[in-house]
Full PDB file with SEQRES, HELIX, SHEET, SSBOND, CRYST1, ORIGX, SCALE, CONECT and MASTER records, all heavy atoms in Angstrom:
SEQRES   1 A   32  ASN LEU GLY CYS PHE ILE PRO MET GLN TYR LYS ILE SER          
SEQRES   2 A   32  ILE ARG LYS GLY LYS LYS VAL ARG ALA LEU VAL PRO VAL          
SEQRES   3 A   32  VAL HIS ASN LEU VAL PHE                                      
SHEET    1 AA1 2 MET A   8  ARG A  15  0                                        
SHEET    2 AA1 2 LYS A  18  PRO A  25 -1                                        
CRYST1    1.000    1.000    1.000  90.00  90.00  90.00 P 1           1          
ORIGX1      1.000000  0.000000  0.000000        0.00000                         
ORIGX2      0.000000  1.000000  0.000000        0.00000                         
ORIGX3      0.000000  0.000000  1.000000        0.00000                         
SCALE1      1.000000  0.000000  0.000000        0.00000                         
SCALE2      0.000000  1.000000  0.000000        0.00000                         
SCALE3      0.000000  0.000000  1.000000        0.00000                         
ATOM      1  N   ASN A   1      10.258 -11.074  32.276  1.00  0.00           N  
ATOM      2  CA  ASN A   1      11.474 -10.296  32.126  1.00  0.00           C  
ATOM      3  C   ASN A   1      11.784  -9.905  30.694  1.00  0.00           C  
ATOM      4  O   ASN A   1      12.976  -9.821  30.285  1.00  0.00           O  
ATOM      5  CB  ASN A   1      12.690 -10.984  32.777  1.00  0.00           C  
ATOM      6  CG  ASN A   1      12.543 -11.129  34.247  1.00  0.00           C  
ATOM      7  OD1 ASN A   1      12.105 -10.193  34.936  1.00  0.00           O  
ATOM      8  ND2 ASN A   1      12.818 -12.315  34.777  1.00  0.00           N  
ATOM      9  N   LEU A   2      10.752  -9.674  29.901  1.00  0.00           N  
ATOM     10  CA  LEU A   2      10.935  -9.217  28.509  1.00  0.00           C  
ATOM     11  C   LEU A   2      10.769  -7.677  28.484  1.00  0.00           C  
ATOM     12  O   LEU A   2       9.977  -7.158  29.249  1.00  0.00           O  
ATOM     13  CB  LEU A   2       9.932  -9.847  27.577  1.00  0.00           C  
ATOM     14  CG  LEU A   2       9.983 -11.364  27.440  1.00  0.00           C  
ATOM     15  CD1 LEU A   2       9.022 -11.819  26.413  1.00  0.00           C  
ATOM     16  CD2 LEU A   2      11.400 -11.829  27.098  1.00  0.00           C  
ATOM     17  N   GLY A   3      11.515  -7.005  27.610  1.00  0.00           N  
ATOM     18  CA  GLY A   3      11.303  -5.601  27.398  1.00  0.00           C  
ATOM     19  C   GLY A   3      10.061  -5.378  26.622  1.00  0.00           C  
ATOM     20  O   GLY A   3       9.828  -6.027  25.610  1.00  0.00           O  
ATOM     21  N   CYS A   4       9.265  -4.422  27.040  1.00  0.00           N  
ATOM     22  CA  CYS A   4       8.011  -4.132  26.367  1.00  0.00           C  
ATOM     23  C   CYS A   4       7.805  -2.609  26.247  1.00  0.00           C  
ATOM     24  O   CYS A   4       8.321  -1.877  27.124  1.00  0.00           O  
ATOM     25  CB  CYS A   4       6.784  -4.662  27.094  1.00  0.00           C  
ATOM     26  SG  CYS A   4       6.771  -6.452  27.228  1.00  0.00           S  
ATOM     27  N   PHE A   5       7.108  -2.186  25.247  1.00  0.00           N  
ATOM     28  CA  PHE A   5       6.811  -0.750  25.118  1.00  0.00           C  
ATOM     29  C   PHE A   5       5.452  -0.588  24.414  1.00  0.00           C  
ATOM     30  O   PHE A   5       5.209  -1.232  23.418  1.00  0.00           O  
ATOM     31  CB  PHE A   5       7.882  -0.021  24.331  1.00  0.00           C  
ATOM     32  CG  PHE A   5       7.617   1.467  24.159  1.00  0.00           C  
ATOM     33  CD1 PHE A   5       7.701   2.303  25.271  1.00  0.00           C  
ATOM     34  CD2 PHE A   5       7.194   1.958  22.977  1.00  0.00           C  
ATOM     35  CE1 PHE A   5       7.396   3.641  25.150  1.00  0.00           C  
ATOM     36  CE2 PHE A   5       6.909   3.338  22.831  1.00  0.00           C  
ATOM     37  CZ  PHE A   5       7.012   4.165  23.943  1.00  0.00           C  
ATOM     38  N   ILE A   6       4.637   0.263  25.004  1.00  0.00           N  
ATOM     39  CA  ILE A   6       3.373   0.680  24.376  1.00  0.00           C  
ATOM     40  C   ILE A   6       3.354   2.181  24.342  1.00  0.00           C  
ATOM     41  O   ILE A   6       3.482   2.815  25.415  1.00  0.00           O  
ATOM     42  CB  ILE A   6       2.178   0.139  25.188  1.00  0.00           C  
ATOM     43  CG1 ILE A   6       2.120  -1.386  25.219  1.00  0.00           C  
ATOM     44  CG2 ILE A   6       0.860   0.692  24.570  1.00  0.00           C  
ATOM     45  CD1 ILE A   6       1.034  -1.952  26.083  1.00  0.00           C  
ATOM     46  N   PRO A   7       3.262   2.805  23.168  1.00  0.00           N  
ATOM     47  CA  PRO A   7       3.184   4.259  23.111  1.00  0.00           C  
ATOM     48  C   PRO A   7       1.896   4.716  23.810  1.00  0.00           C  
ATOM     49  O   PRO A   7       0.817   4.218  23.469  1.00  0.00           O  
ATOM     50  CB  PRO A   7       3.149   4.599  21.639  1.00  0.00           C  
ATOM     51  CG  PRO A   7       3.558   3.340  20.937  1.00  0.00           C  
ATOM     52  CD  PRO A   7       3.282   2.220  21.839  1.00  0.00           C  
ATOM     53  N   MET A   8       2.053   5.645  24.760  1.00  0.00           N  
ATOM     54  CA  MET A   8       0.894   6.113  25.540  1.00  0.00           C  
ATOM     55  C   MET A   8       0.774   7.636  25.414  1.00  0.00           C  
ATOM     56  O   MET A   8       1.756   8.326  25.132  1.00  0.00           O  
ATOM     57  CB  MET A   8       1.084   5.762  27.021  1.00  0.00           C  
ATOM     58  CG  MET A   8       1.335   4.311  27.324  1.00  0.00           C  
ATOM     59  SD  MET A   8      -0.081   3.278  27.205  1.00  0.00           S  
ATOM     60  CE  MET A   8      -0.865   3.624  28.772  1.00  0.00           C  
ATOM     61  N   GLN A   9      -0.430   8.146  25.626  1.00  0.00           N  
ATOM     62  CA  GLN A   9      -0.674   9.585  25.666  1.00  0.00           C  
ATOM     63  C   GLN A   9      -1.802   9.884  26.628  1.00  0.00           C  
ATOM     64  O   GLN A   9      -2.628   9.031  26.920  1.00  0.00           O  
ATOM     65  CB  GLN A   9      -0.982  10.118  24.272  1.00  0.00           C  
ATOM     66  CG  GLN A   9      -2.340   9.660  23.743  1.00  0.00           C  
ATOM     67  CD  GLN A   9      -2.589  10.117  22.319  1.00  0.00           C  
ATOM     68  OE1 GLN A   9      -1.826  10.882  21.747  1.00  0.00           O  
ATOM     69  NE2 GLN A   9      -3.687   9.683  21.736  1.00  0.00           N  
ATOM     70  N   TYR A  10      -1.826  11.128  27.092  1.00  0.00           N  
ATOM     71  CA  TYR A  10      -2.896  11.564  27.978  1.00  0.00           C  
ATOM     72  C   TYR A  10      -4.119  11.961  27.177  1.00  0.00           C  
ATOM     73  O   TYR A  10      -3.987  12.658  26.169  1.00  0.00           O  
ATOM     74  CB  TYR A  10      -2.454  12.713  28.855  1.00  0.00           C  
ATOM     75  CG  TYR A  10      -1.532  12.268  29.976  1.00  0.00           C  
ATOM     76  CD1 TYR A  10      -0.183  12.504  29.916  1.00  0.00           C  
ATOM     77  CD2 TYR A  10      -2.072  11.639  31.103  1.00  0.00           C  
ATOM     78  CE1 TYR A  10       0.667  12.100  30.941  1.00  0.00           C  
ATOM     79  CE2 TYR A  10      -1.235  11.217  32.114  1.00  0.00           C  
ATOM     80  CZ  TYR A  10       0.108  11.456  32.048  1.00  0.00           C  
ATOM     81  OH  TYR A  10       0.935  11.040  33.066  1.00  0.00           O  
ATOM     82  N   LYS A  11      -5.270  11.479  27.583  1.00  0.00           N  
ATOM     83  CA  LYS A  11      -6.538  11.854  26.947  1.00  0.00           C  
ATOM     84  C   LYS A  11      -7.496  12.359  28.030  1.00  0.00           C  
ATOM     85  O   LYS A  11      -7.506  11.829  29.140  1.00  0.00           O  
ATOM     86  CB  LYS A  11      -7.222  10.620  26.315  1.00  0.00           C  
ATOM     87  CG  LYS A  11      -6.578  10.157  25.050  1.00  0.00           C  
ATOM     88  CD  LYS A  11      -7.111  10.862  23.849  1.00  0.00           C  
ATOM     89  CE  LYS A  11      -6.450  10.280  22.617  1.00  0.00           C  
ATOM     90  NZ  LYS A  11      -7.042  10.620  21.430  1.00  0.00           N  
ATOM     91  N   ILE A  12      -8.250  13.385  27.707  1.00  0.00           N  
ATOM     92  CA  ILE A  12      -9.281  13.892  28.605  1.00  0.00           C  
ATOM     93  C   ILE A  12     -10.592  13.281  28.230  1.00  0.00           C  
ATOM     94  O   ILE A  12     -10.976  13.298  27.064  1.00  0.00           O  
ATOM     95  CB  ILE A  12      -9.377  15.433  28.495  1.00  0.00           C  
ATOM     96  CG1 ILE A  12      -8.005  16.115  28.727  1.00  0.00           C  
ATOM     97  CG2 ILE A  12     -10.445  15.954  29.457  1.00  0.00           C  
ATOM     98  CD1 ILE A  12      -7.500  16.094  30.142  1.00  0.00           C  
ATOM     99  N   SER A  13     -11.287  12.672  29.186  1.00  0.00           N  
ATOM    100  CA  SER A  13     -12.605  12.149  28.922  1.00  0.00           C  
ATOM    101  C   SER A  13     -13.541  12.589  30.031  1.00  0.00           C  
ATOM    102  O   SER A  13     -13.092  13.046  31.092  1.00  0.00           O  
ATOM    103  CB  SER A  13     -12.542  10.607  28.805  1.00  0.00           C  
ATOM    104  OG  SER A  13     -12.087  10.063  30.003  1.00  0.00           O  
ATOM    105  N   ILE A  14     -14.787  12.454  29.828  1.00  0.00           N  
ATOM    106  CA  ILE A  14     -15.797  12.824  30.821  1.00  0.00           C  
ATOM    107  C   ILE A  14     -16.310  11.565  31.469  1.00  0.00           C  
ATOM    108  O   ILE A  14     -16.826  10.670  30.777  1.00  0.00           O  
ATOM    109  CB  ILE A  14     -16.983  13.609  30.193  1.00  0.00           C  
ATOM    110  CG1 ILE A  14     -16.472  14.784  29.349  1.00  0.00           C  
ATOM    111  CG2 ILE A  14     -17.965  14.032  31.251  1.00  0.00           C  
ATOM    112  CD1 ILE A  14     -15.873  15.909  30.166  1.00  0.00           C  
ATOM    113  N   ARG A  15     -16.196  11.439  32.783  1.00  0.00           N  
ATOM    114  CA  ARG A  15     -16.697  10.297  33.517  1.00  0.00           C  
ATOM    115  C   ARG A  15     -17.547  10.800  34.667  1.00  0.00           C  
ATOM    116  O   ARG A  15     -17.077  11.569  35.506  1.00  0.00           O  
ATOM    117  CB  ARG A  15     -15.575   9.423  34.089  1.00  0.00           C  
ATOM    118  CG  ARG A  15     -14.871   8.649  33.004  1.00  0.00           C  
ATOM    119  CD  ARG A  15     -14.105   7.461  33.523  1.00  0.00           C  
ATOM    120  NE  ARG A  15     -13.273   6.942  32.485  1.00  0.00           N  
ATOM    121  CZ  ARG A  15     -11.960   6.732  32.605  1.00  0.00           C  
ATOM    122  NH1 ARG A  15     -11.340   6.957  33.729  1.00  0.00           N  
ATOM    123  NH2 ARG A  15     -11.295   6.229  31.565  1.00  0.00           N  
ATOM    124  N   LYS A  16     -18.784  10.395  34.703  1.00  0.00           N  
ATOM    125  CA  LYS A  16     -19.743  10.821  35.741  1.00  0.00           C  
ATOM    126  C   LYS A  16     -19.753  12.342  35.871  1.00  0.00           C  
ATOM    127  O   LYS A  16     -19.761  12.885  36.953  1.00  0.00           O  
ATOM    128  CB  LYS A  16     -19.360  10.186  37.077  1.00  0.00           C  
ATOM    129  CG  LYS A  16     -19.473   8.668  37.072  1.00  0.00           C  
ATOM    130  CD  LYS A  16     -19.141   8.068  38.412  1.00  0.00           C  
ATOM    131  CE  LYS A  16     -19.191   6.563  38.348  1.00  0.00           C  
ATOM    132  NZ  LYS A  16     -18.823   5.927  39.568  1.00  0.00           N  
ATOM    133  N   GLY A  17     -19.739  13.000  34.717  1.00  0.00           N  
ATOM    134  CA  GLY A  17     -19.845  14.446  34.673  1.00  0.00           C  
ATOM    135  C   GLY A  17     -18.583  15.190  34.981  1.00  0.00           C  
ATOM    136  O   GLY A  17     -18.566  16.429  35.022  1.00  0.00           O  
ATOM    137  N   LYS A  18     -17.465  14.516  35.237  1.00  0.00           N  
ATOM    138  CA  LYS A  18     -16.210  15.188  35.531  1.00  0.00           C  
ATOM    139  C   LYS A  18     -15.154  14.894  34.490  1.00  0.00           C  
ATOM    140  O   LYS A  18     -15.123  13.783  33.929  1.00  0.00           O  
ATOM    141  CB  LYS A  18     -15.693  14.742  36.913  1.00  0.00           C  
ATOM    142  CG  LYS A  18     -16.563  15.172  38.056  1.00  0.00           C  
ATOM    143  CD  LYS A  18     -15.910  14.851  39.361  1.00  0.00           C  
ATOM    144  CE  LYS A  18     -16.832  15.329  40.471  1.00  0.00           C  
ATOM    145  NZ  LYS A  18     -16.224  15.166  41.787  1.00  0.00           N  
ATOM    146  N   LYS A  19     -14.298  15.892  34.249  1.00  0.00           N  
ATOM    147  CA  LYS A  19     -13.171  15.661  33.327  1.00  0.00           C  
ATOM    148  C   LYS A  19     -12.121  14.826  33.997  1.00  0.00           C  
ATOM    149  O   LYS A  19     -11.729  15.090  35.144  1.00  0.00           O  
ATOM    150  CB  LYS A  19     -12.550  16.991  32.910  1.00  0.00           C  
ATOM    151  CG  LYS A  19     -13.314  17.761  31.883  1.00  0.00           C  
ATOM    152  CD  LYS A  19     -12.538  18.967  31.429  1.00  0.00           C  
ATOM    153  CE  LYS A  19     -13.302  19.719  30.361  1.00  0.00           C  
ATOM    154  NZ  LYS A  19     -12.550  20.907  29.915  1.00  0.00           N  
ATOM    155  N   VAL A  20     -11.700  13.780  33.295  1.00  0.00           N  
ATOM    156  CA  VAL A  20     -10.696  12.855  33.850  1.00  0.00           C  
ATOM    157  C   VAL A  20      -9.541  12.799  32.846  1.00  0.00           C  
ATOM    158  O   VAL A  20      -9.764  12.545  31.654  1.00  0.00           O  
ATOM    159  CB  VAL A  20     -11.247  11.451  34.099  1.00  0.00           C  
ATOM    160  CG1 VAL A  20     -10.209  10.511  34.581  1.00  0.00           C  
ATOM    161  CG2 VAL A  20     -12.420  11.513  35.053  1.00  0.00           C  
ATOM    162  N   ARG A  21      -8.294  12.999  33.320  1.00  0.00           N  
ATOM    163  CA  ARG A  21      -7.122  12.865  32.474  1.00  0.00           C  
ATOM    164  C   ARG A  21      -6.510  11.471  32.718  1.00  0.00           C  
ATOM    165  O   ARG A  21      -6.133  11.142  33.820  1.00  0.00           O  
ATOM    166  CB  ARG A  21      -6.098  13.939  32.868  1.00  0.00           C  
ATOM    167  CG  ARG A  21      -4.901  13.964  32.006  1.00  0.00           C  
ATOM    168  CD  ARG A  21      -3.989  15.173  32.400  1.00  0.00           C  
ATOM    169  NE  ARG A  21      -2.827  15.256  31.540  1.00  0.00           N  
ATOM    170  CZ  ARG A  21      -1.599  15.263  32.008  1.00  0.00           C  
ATOM    171  NH1 ARG A  21      -1.347  15.234  33.294  1.00  0.00           N  
ATOM    172  NH2 ARG A  21      -0.599  15.362  31.176  1.00  0.00           N  
ATOM    173  N   ALA A  22      -6.499  10.675  31.654  1.00  0.00           N  
ATOM    174  CA  ALA A  22      -6.019   9.304  31.759  1.00  0.00           C  
ATOM    175  C   ALA A  22      -4.947   8.988  30.738  1.00  0.00           C  
ATOM    176  O   ALA A  22      -4.977   9.525  29.632  1.00  0.00           O  
ATOM    177  CB  ALA A  22      -7.197   8.336  31.601  1.00  0.00           C  
ATOM    178  N   LEU A  23      -3.974   8.189  31.136  1.00  0.00           N  
ATOM    179  CA  LEU A  23      -2.920   7.706  30.244  1.00  0.00           C  
ATOM    180  C   LEU A  23      -3.400   6.478  29.503  1.00  0.00           C  
ATOM    181  O   LEU A  23      -3.731   5.476  30.127  1.00  0.00           O  
ATOM    182  CB  LEU A  23      -1.651   7.426  31.061  1.00  0.00           C  
ATOM    183  CG  LEU A  23      -0.349   7.266  30.326  1.00  0.00           C  
ATOM    184  CD1 LEU A  23      -0.002   8.536  29.504  1.00  0.00           C  
ATOM    185  CD2 LEU A  23       0.765   7.005  31.281  1.00  0.00           C  
ATOM    186  N   VAL A  24      -3.540   6.590  28.174  1.00  0.00           N  
ATOM    187  CA  VAL A  24      -4.069   5.490  27.373  1.00  0.00           C  
ATOM    188  C   VAL A  24      -3.177   5.146  26.202  1.00  0.00           C  
ATOM    189  O   VAL A  24      -2.390   6.040  25.765  1.00  0.00           O  
ATOM    190  CB  VAL A  24      -5.477   5.820  26.839  1.00  0.00           C  
ATOM    191  CG1 VAL A  24      -6.463   6.033  27.985  1.00  0.00           C  
ATOM    192  CG2 VAL A  24      -5.478   7.057  25.970  1.00  0.00           C  
ATOM    193  N   PRO A  25      -3.240   3.969  25.668  1.00  0.00           N  
ATOM    194  CA  PRO A  25      -2.411   3.622  24.486  1.00  0.00           C  
ATOM    195  C   PRO A  25      -2.781   4.507  23.281  1.00  0.00           C  
ATOM    196  O   PRO A  25      -3.963   4.819  23.056  1.00  0.00           O  
ATOM    197  CB  PRO A  25      -2.800   2.161  24.194  1.00  0.00           C  
ATOM    198  CG  PRO A  25      -3.285   1.632  25.522  1.00  0.00           C  
ATOM    199  CD  PRO A  25      -3.953   2.793  26.167  1.00  0.00           C  
ATOM    200  N   VAL A  26      -1.779   4.906  22.537  1.00  0.00           N  
ATOM    201  CA  VAL A  26      -2.023   5.707  21.323  1.00  0.00           C  
ATOM    202  C   VAL A  26      -2.695   4.867  20.271  1.00  0.00           C  
ATOM    203  O   VAL A  26      -3.635   5.295  19.625  1.00  0.00           O  
ATOM    204  CB  VAL A  26      -0.670   6.267  20.781  1.00  0.00           C  
ATOM    205  CG1 VAL A  26      -0.833   6.930  19.473  1.00  0.00           C  
ATOM    206  CG2 VAL A  26      -0.049   7.211  21.782  1.00  0.00           C  
ATOM    207  N   VAL A  27      -2.210   3.648  20.088  1.00  0.00           N  
ATOM    208  CA  VAL A  27      -2.736   2.713  19.097  1.00  0.00           C  
ATOM    209  C   VAL A  27      -3.154   1.477  19.887  1.00  0.00           C  
ATOM    210  O   VAL A  27      -2.310   0.799  20.482  1.00  0.00           O  
ATOM    211  CB  VAL A  27      -1.725   2.322  18.052  1.00  0.00           C  
ATOM    212  CG1 VAL A  27      -2.301   1.297  17.066  1.00  0.00           C  
ATOM    213  CG2 VAL A  27      -1.247   3.545  17.289  1.00  0.00           C  
ATOM    214  N   HIS A  28      -4.447   1.221  19.952  1.00  0.00           N  
ATOM    215  CA  HIS A  28      -4.874   0.040  20.680  1.00  0.00           C  
ATOM    216  C   HIS A  28      -4.410  -1.238  19.974  1.00  0.00           C  
ATOM    217  O   HIS A  28      -4.259  -1.275  18.745  1.00  0.00           O  
ATOM    218  CB  HIS A  28      -6.417   0.029  20.808  1.00  0.00           C  
ATOM    219  CG  HIS A  28      -6.889   0.990  21.806  1.00  0.00           C  
ATOM    220  ND1 HIS A  28      -6.667   0.843  23.169  1.00  0.00           N  
ATOM    221  CD2 HIS A  28      -7.530   2.174  21.703  1.00  0.00           C  
ATOM    222  CE1 HIS A  28      -7.176   1.855  23.832  1.00  0.00           C  
ATOM    223  NE2 HIS A  28      -7.692   2.684  22.950  1.00  0.00           N  
ATOM    224  N   ASN A  29      -4.131  -2.226  20.781  1.00  0.00           N  
ATOM    225  CA  ASN A  29      -3.712  -3.558  20.343  1.00  0.00           C  
ATOM    226  C   ASN A  29      -2.275  -3.675  19.854  1.00  0.00           C  
ATOM    227  O   ASN A  29      -1.877  -4.693  19.368  1.00  0.00           O  
ATOM    228  CB  ASN A  29      -4.652  -4.108  19.237  1.00  0.00           C  
ATOM    229  CG  ASN A  29      -6.068  -4.132  19.705  1.00  0.00           C  
ATOM    230  OD1 ASN A  29      -6.365  -4.349  20.874  1.00  0.00           O  
ATOM    231  ND2 ASN A  29      -6.983  -3.817  18.789  1.00  0.00           N  
ATOM    232  N   LEU A  30      -1.477  -2.579  19.975  1.00  0.00           N  
ATOM    233  CA  LEU A  30      -0.095  -2.624  19.548  1.00  0.00           C  
ATOM    234  C   LEU A  30       0.870  -2.674  20.734  1.00  0.00           C  
ATOM    235  O   LEU A  30       0.768  -1.859  21.640  1.00  0.00           O  
ATOM    236  CB  LEU A  30       0.242  -1.378  18.698  1.00  0.00           C  
ATOM    237  CG  LEU A  30       1.657  -1.221  18.205  1.00  0.00           C  
ATOM    238  CD1 LEU A  30       2.031  -2.356  17.215  1.00  0.00           C  
ATOM    239  CD2 LEU A  30       1.837   0.119  17.506  1.00  0.00           C  
ATOM    240  N   VAL A  31       1.759  -3.681  20.716  1.00  0.00           N  
ATOM    241  CA  VAL A  31       2.766  -3.857  21.762  1.00  0.00           C  
ATOM    242  C   VAL A  31       4.099  -4.151  21.072  1.00  0.00           C  
ATOM    243  O   VAL A  31       4.184  -4.969  20.154  1.00  0.00           O  
ATOM    244  CB  VAL A  31       2.434  -5.062  22.687  1.00  0.00           C  
ATOM    245  CG1 VAL A  31       3.464  -5.230  23.793  1.00  0.00           C  
ATOM    246  CG2 VAL A  31       1.052  -4.968  23.250  1.00  0.00           C  
ATOM    247  N   PHE A  32       5.160  -3.471  21.517  1.00  0.00           N  
ATOM    248  CA  PHE A  32       6.482  -3.740  21.045  1.00  0.00           C  
ATOM    249  C   PHE A  32       7.180  -4.602  22.099  1.00  0.00           C  
ATOM    250  O   PHE A  32       7.119  -4.291  23.296  1.00  0.00           O  
ATOM    251  CB  PHE A  32       7.306  -2.484  20.809  1.00  0.00           C  
ATOM    252  CG  PHE A  32       6.757  -1.654  19.700  1.00  0.00           C  
ATOM    253  CD1 PHE A  32       5.930  -0.558  19.970  1.00  0.00           C  
ATOM    254  CD2 PHE A  32       7.041  -1.935  18.381  1.00  0.00           C  
ATOM    255  CE1 PHE A  32       5.412   0.230  18.943  1.00  0.00           C  
ATOM    256  CE2 PHE A  32       6.546  -1.179  17.331  1.00  0.00           C  
ATOM    257  CZ  PHE A  32       5.715  -0.090  17.632  1.00  0.00           C  
TER     258      PHE A  32                                                      
MASTER        0    0    0    0    2    0    0    6  257    1    0    3          
END                                                                             
């Protein structure tokens, strides 16, 4: 029950030949 926040953004990557839009952390390893 703690408040947490991780800044996220959408990134386009190629997986198995297809474009995939995924929500990923902006800065890895950072948690507020």
